[in-house]
C-alpha atoms as a PDB file:
ATOM      1  CA  MET A   1     -18.897  11.655   1.831  1.00  0.00           C
ATOM      2  CA  ALA A   2     -17.496   8.783   3.837  1.00  0.00           C
ATOM      3  CA  GLN A   3     -16.456   8.822   7.490  1.00  0.00           C
ATOM      4  CA  GLY A   4     -15.375   5.716   9.323  1.00  0.00           C
ATOM      5  CA  THR A   5     -12.568   3.094   9.405  1.00  0.00           C
ATOM      6  CA  LEU A   6     -10.653   1.976   6.431  1.00  0.00           C
ATOM      7  CA  GLU A   7      -8.880  -1.529   6.942  1.00  0.00           C
ATOM      8  CA  VAL A   8      -6.149  -2.174   4.240  1.00  0.00           C
ATOM      9  CA  LEU A   9      -4.919  -5.582   3.851  1.00  0.00           C
ATOM     10  CA  LEU A  10      -1.473  -5.616   2.325  1.00  0.00           C
ATOM     11  CA  VAL A  11      -1.042  -9.002   0.787  1.00  0.00           C
ATOM     12  CA  GLY A  12       2.150  -8.774  -1.228  1.00  0.00           C
ATOM     13  CA  ALA A  13       3.800  -7.653  -4.415  1.00  0.00           C
ATOM     14  CA  LYS A  14       5.021  -9.378  -7.661  1.00  0.00           C
ATOM     15  CA  GLY A  15       7.600  -8.497 -10.594  1.00  0.00           C
ATOM     16  CA  LEU A  16       8.970  -5.450  -8.721  1.00  0.00           C
ATOM     17  CA  GLU A  17      12.117  -3.972 -10.216  1.00  0.00           C
ATOM     18  CA  ASN A  18      14.878  -5.198  -8.115  1.00  0.00           C
ATOM     19  CA  THR A  19      16.901  -2.007  -6.941  1.00  0.00           C
ATOM     20  CA  ASP A  20      19.655  -4.070  -5.481  1.00  0.00           C
ATOM     21  CA  TYR A  21      21.956  -5.440  -8.288  1.00  0.00           C
ATOM     22  CA  LEU A  22      24.027  -7.846  -6.050  1.00  0.00           C
ATOM     23  CA  CYS A  23      21.264  -9.367  -3.872  1.00  0.00           C
ATOM     24  CA  ASN A  24      17.649  -9.545  -3.222  1.00  0.00           C
ATOM     25  CA  MET A  25      16.095  -6.370  -2.097  1.00  0.00           C
ATOM     26  CA  ASP A  26      14.340  -6.128   1.333  1.00  0.00           C
ATOM     27  CA  PRO A  27      11.067  -4.387   0.497  1.00  0.00           C
ATOM     28  CA  TYR A  28       8.608  -2.571   2.684  1.00  0.00           C
ATOM     29  CA  ALA A  29       5.675  -0.397   2.185  1.00  0.00           C
ATOM     30  CA  VAL A  30       4.651   2.870   3.449  1.00  0.00           C
ATOM     31  CA  LEU A  31       0.727   3.476   3.349  1.00  0.00           C
ATOM     32  CA  VAL A  32      -0.464   7.051   3.215  1.00  0.00           C
ATOM     33  CA  CYS A  33      -4.087   8.038   3.614  1.00  0.00           C
ATOM     34  CA  THR A  34      -4.430  11.855   4.027  1.00  0.00           C
ATOM     35  CA  SER A  35      -2.205  12.893   6.822  1.00  0.00           C
ATOM     36  CA  GLN A  36      -1.816   9.329   8.310  1.00  0.00           C
ATOM     37  CA  GLU A  37       0.981   7.285   7.344  1.00  0.00           C
ATOM     38  CA  GLN A  38       1.910   3.590   8.475  1.00  0.00           C
ATOM     39  CA  LYS A  39       4.771   1.219   7.495  1.00  0.00           C
ATOM     40  CA  SER A  40       4.723  -2.422   7.007  1.00  0.00           C
ATOM     41  CA  SER A  41       7.443  -4.619   8.283  1.00  0.00           C
ATOM     42  CA  VAL A  42      10.585  -5.231   6.017  1.00  0.00           C
ATOM     43  CA  ALA A  43      10.323  -8.416   3.890  1.00  0.00           C
ATOM     44  CA  SER A  44      13.997  -9.248   4.287  1.00  0.00           C
ATOM     45  CA  GLY A  45      15.533 -10.923   1.270  1.00  0.00           C
ATOM     46  CA  LYS A  46      12.243 -11.353  -0.461  1.00  0.00           C
ATOM     47  CA  GLY A  47      13.344  -9.639  -3.498  1.00  0.00           C
ATOM     48  CA  SER A  48      10.858  -8.839  -6.286  1.00  0.00           C
ATOM     49  CA  ASP A  49       8.101 -10.991  -4.782  1.00  0.00           C
ATOM     50  CA  PRO A  50       7.478  -9.969  -1.216  1.00  0.00           C
ATOM     51  CA  GLU A  51       4.586 -11.165   0.869  1.00  0.00           C
ATOM     52  CA  TRP A  52       3.376  -9.295   3.926  1.00  0.00           C
ATOM     53  CA  ASN A  53      -0.249 -10.279   4.907  1.00  0.00           C
ATOM     54  CA  GLU A  54      -0.460  -7.246   7.206  1.00  0.00           C
ATOM     55  CA  THR A  55      -3.525  -5.317   8.107  1.00  0.00           C
ATOM     56  CA  PHE A  56      -3.428  -1.504   8.683  1.00  0.00           C
ATOM     57  CA  VAL A  57      -6.243   0.609   9.955  1.00  0.00           C
ATOM     58  CA  PHE A  58      -7.003   4.289   9.064  1.00  0.00           C
ATOM     59  CA  THR A  59      -9.571   6.699  10.361  1.00  0.00           C
ATOM     60  CA  VAL A  60     -10.923   8.369   7.161  1.00  0.00           C
ATOM     61  CA  SER A  61     -13.064  11.460   6.736  1.00  0.00           C
ATOM     62  CA  GLU A  62     -14.426  13.537   3.836  1.00  0.00           C
ATOM     63  CA  ASN A  63     -11.137  14.376   2.264  1.00  0.00           C
ATOM     64  CA  ALA A  64      -9.674  10.634   1.865  1.00  0.00           C
ATOM     65  CA  ASP A  65      -9.899  10.255  -1.801  1.00  0.00           C
ATOM     66  CA  ASN A  66      -6.965   7.842  -2.354  1.00  0.00           C
ATOM     67  CA  LEU A  67      -4.680   5.436  -0.559  1.00  0.00           C
ATOM     68  CA  ILE A  68      -1.003   5.755  -1.598  1.00  0.00           C
ATOM     69  CA  ILE A  69       1.306   2.961  -1.110  1.00  0.00           C
ATOM     70  CA  LYS A  70       4.945   3.588  -1.616  1.00  0.00           C
ATOM     71  CA  LEU A  71       7.288   0.639  -1.973  1.00  0.00           C
ATOM     72  CA  LEU A  72      10.780   0.987  -0.887  1.00  0.00           C
ATOM     73  CA  ASP A  73      14.003  -1.126  -0.454  1.00  0.00           C
ATOM     74  CA  ASN A  74      15.451  -1.182   2.975  1.00  0.00           C
ATOM     75  CA  ASP A  75      19.045  -0.398   2.601  1.00  0.00           C
ATOM     76  CA  ALA A  76      21.559  -0.593   5.484  1.00  0.00           C
ATOM     77  CA  GLY A  77      23.791   2.382   5.643  1.00  0.00           C
ATOM     78  CA  THR A  78      22.388   4.311   2.568  1.00  0.00           C
ATOM     79  CA  ASN A  79      19.127   5.910   1.871  1.00  0.00           C
ATOM     80  CA  ASP A  80      16.262   3.551   1.143  1.00  0.00           C
ATOM     81  CA  ASP A  81      15.654   3.097  -2.658  1.00  0.00           C
ATOM     82  CA  ILE A  82      12.167   4.012  -4.004  1.00  0.00           C
ATOM     83  CA  VAL A  83      10.873   0.964  -5.924  1.00  0.00           C
ATOM     84  CA  GLY A  84       7.538   2.754  -7.106  1.00  0.00           C
ATOM     85  CA  GLU A  85       4.040   3.563  -5.723  1.00  0.00           C
ATOM     86  CA  ALA A  86       0.502   2.693  -6.248  1.00  0.00           C
ATOM     87  CA  THR A  87      -2.385   5.023  -5.947  1.00  0.00           C
ATOM     88  CA  ILE A  88      -5.767   3.518  -5.163  1.00  0.00           C
ATOM     89  CA  PRO A  89      -8.974   5.458  -5.455  1.00  0.00           C
ATOM     90  CA  LEU A  90     -11.144   4.781  -2.471  1.00  0.00           C
ATOM     91  CA  ASP A  91     -14.623   5.658  -4.093  1.00  0.00           C
ATOM     92  CA  ALA A  92     -15.350   1.994  -4.886  1.00  0.00           C
ATOM     93  CA  VAL A  93     -14.635   0.811  -1.222  1.00  0.00           C
ATOM     94  CA  TYR A  94     -16.959   3.678   0.182  1.00  0.00           C
ATOM     95  CA  SER A  95     -19.811   2.485  -2.046  1.00  0.00           C
ATOM     96  CA  GLU A  96     -19.100  -1.442  -1.774  1.00  0.00           C
ATOM     97  CA  GLY A  97     -17.834  -1.554   1.590  1.00  0.00           C
ATOM     98  CA  ASN A  98     -15.405  -4.202   0.675  1.00  0.00           C
ATOM     99  CA  ILE A  99     -12.998  -4.868  -2.212  1.00  0.00           C
ATOM    100  CA  PRO A 100     -11.322  -8.296  -2.152  1.00  0.00           C
ATOM    101  CA  PRO A 101      -7.566  -8.358  -2.622  1.00  0.00           C
ATOM    102  CA  THR A 102      -6.918  -6.845  -6.019  1.00  0.00           C
ATOM    103  CA  VAL A 103      -3.933  -6.069  -8.007  1.00  0.00           C
ATOM    104  CA  TYR A 104      -2.736  -2.510  -8.640  1.00  0.00           C
ATOM    105  CA  ASN A 105       0.113  -1.399 -10.735  1.00  0.00           C
ATOM    106  CA  VAL A 106       3.161   0.011  -9.144  1.00  0.00           C
ATOM    107  CA  VAL A 107       4.631   2.932 -11.167  1.00  0.00           C
ATOM    108  CA  LYS A 108       7.704   4.952 -10.952  1.00  0.00           C
ATOM    109  CA  ASP A 109       8.575   7.769 -13.477  1.00  0.00           C
ATOM    110  CA  GLU A 110       5.259   6.859 -15.066  1.00  0.00           C
ATOM    111  CA  GLU A 111       6.636   3.504 -16.037  1.00  0.00           C
ATOM    112  CA  TYR A 112       5.327   0.090 -14.861  1.00  0.00           C
ATOM    113  CA  ARG A 113       7.392  -1.314 -11.929  1.00  0.00           C
ATOM    114  CA  GLY A 114       5.493  -4.487 -10.854  1.00  0.00           C
ATOM    115  CA  GLU A 115       2.170  -4.960  -9.076  1.00  0.00           C
ATOM    116  CA  ILE A 116       0.747  -4.817  -5.343  1.00  0.00           C
ATOM    117  CA  LYS A 117      -2.104  -6.750  -4.060  1.00  0.00           C
ATOM    118  CA  ILE A 118      -4.279  -4.910  -1.691  1.00  0.00           C
ATOM    119  CA  GLY A 119      -7.589  -5.783  -0.046  1.00  0.00           C
ATOM    120  CA  LEU A 120      -9.862  -2.998   1.315  1.00  0.00           C
ATOM    121  CA  THR A 121     -12.788  -2.782   3.912  1.00  0.00           C
ATOM    122  CA  PHE A 122     -14.728   0.242   4.715  1.00  0.00           C
ATOM    123  CA  THR A 123     -16.589   0.297   7.902  1.00  0.00           C
ATOM    124  CA  PRO A 124     -18.778   3.570   7.982  1.00  0.00           C
ATOM    125  CA  GLU A 125     -18.958   5.457  11.283  1.00  0.00           C
ATOM    126  CA  GLU A 126     -22.416   5.309  12.999  1.00  0.00           C
ATOM    127  CA  ALA A 127     -24.360   8.696  12.515  1.00  0.00           C
ATOM    128  CA  ARG A 128     -24.519  10.783  15.550  1.00  0.00           C
ATOM    129  CA  ASP A 129     -27.741  12.846  16.444  1.00  0.00           C
END
């Protein structure tokens, strides 16, 4: 199974369900791979079609099967609203090494809530003797 570095390019999202009724939402992403969690910047006022173009690096080992991306709306003074999440299987990037930016569905309560664009690169760890 794979061990090495997973580089995630968070490009942007489209058609997200706007959780702020009076103004554009301020979305951000939380990327989770096994026990590692990283957070993107907040796309202030970008509403349903935010762009980040940020790169995140995870160290992956045998048990990293999926990358989970949770999209939330940054709300001042109240709890952040969950917009939805995407689960990306990592099998393909382990075998291919590189997946160009691809669109994945964002789902909440088993319903389509928009899409997110993610690029993946896997660099295997050098085998040690």
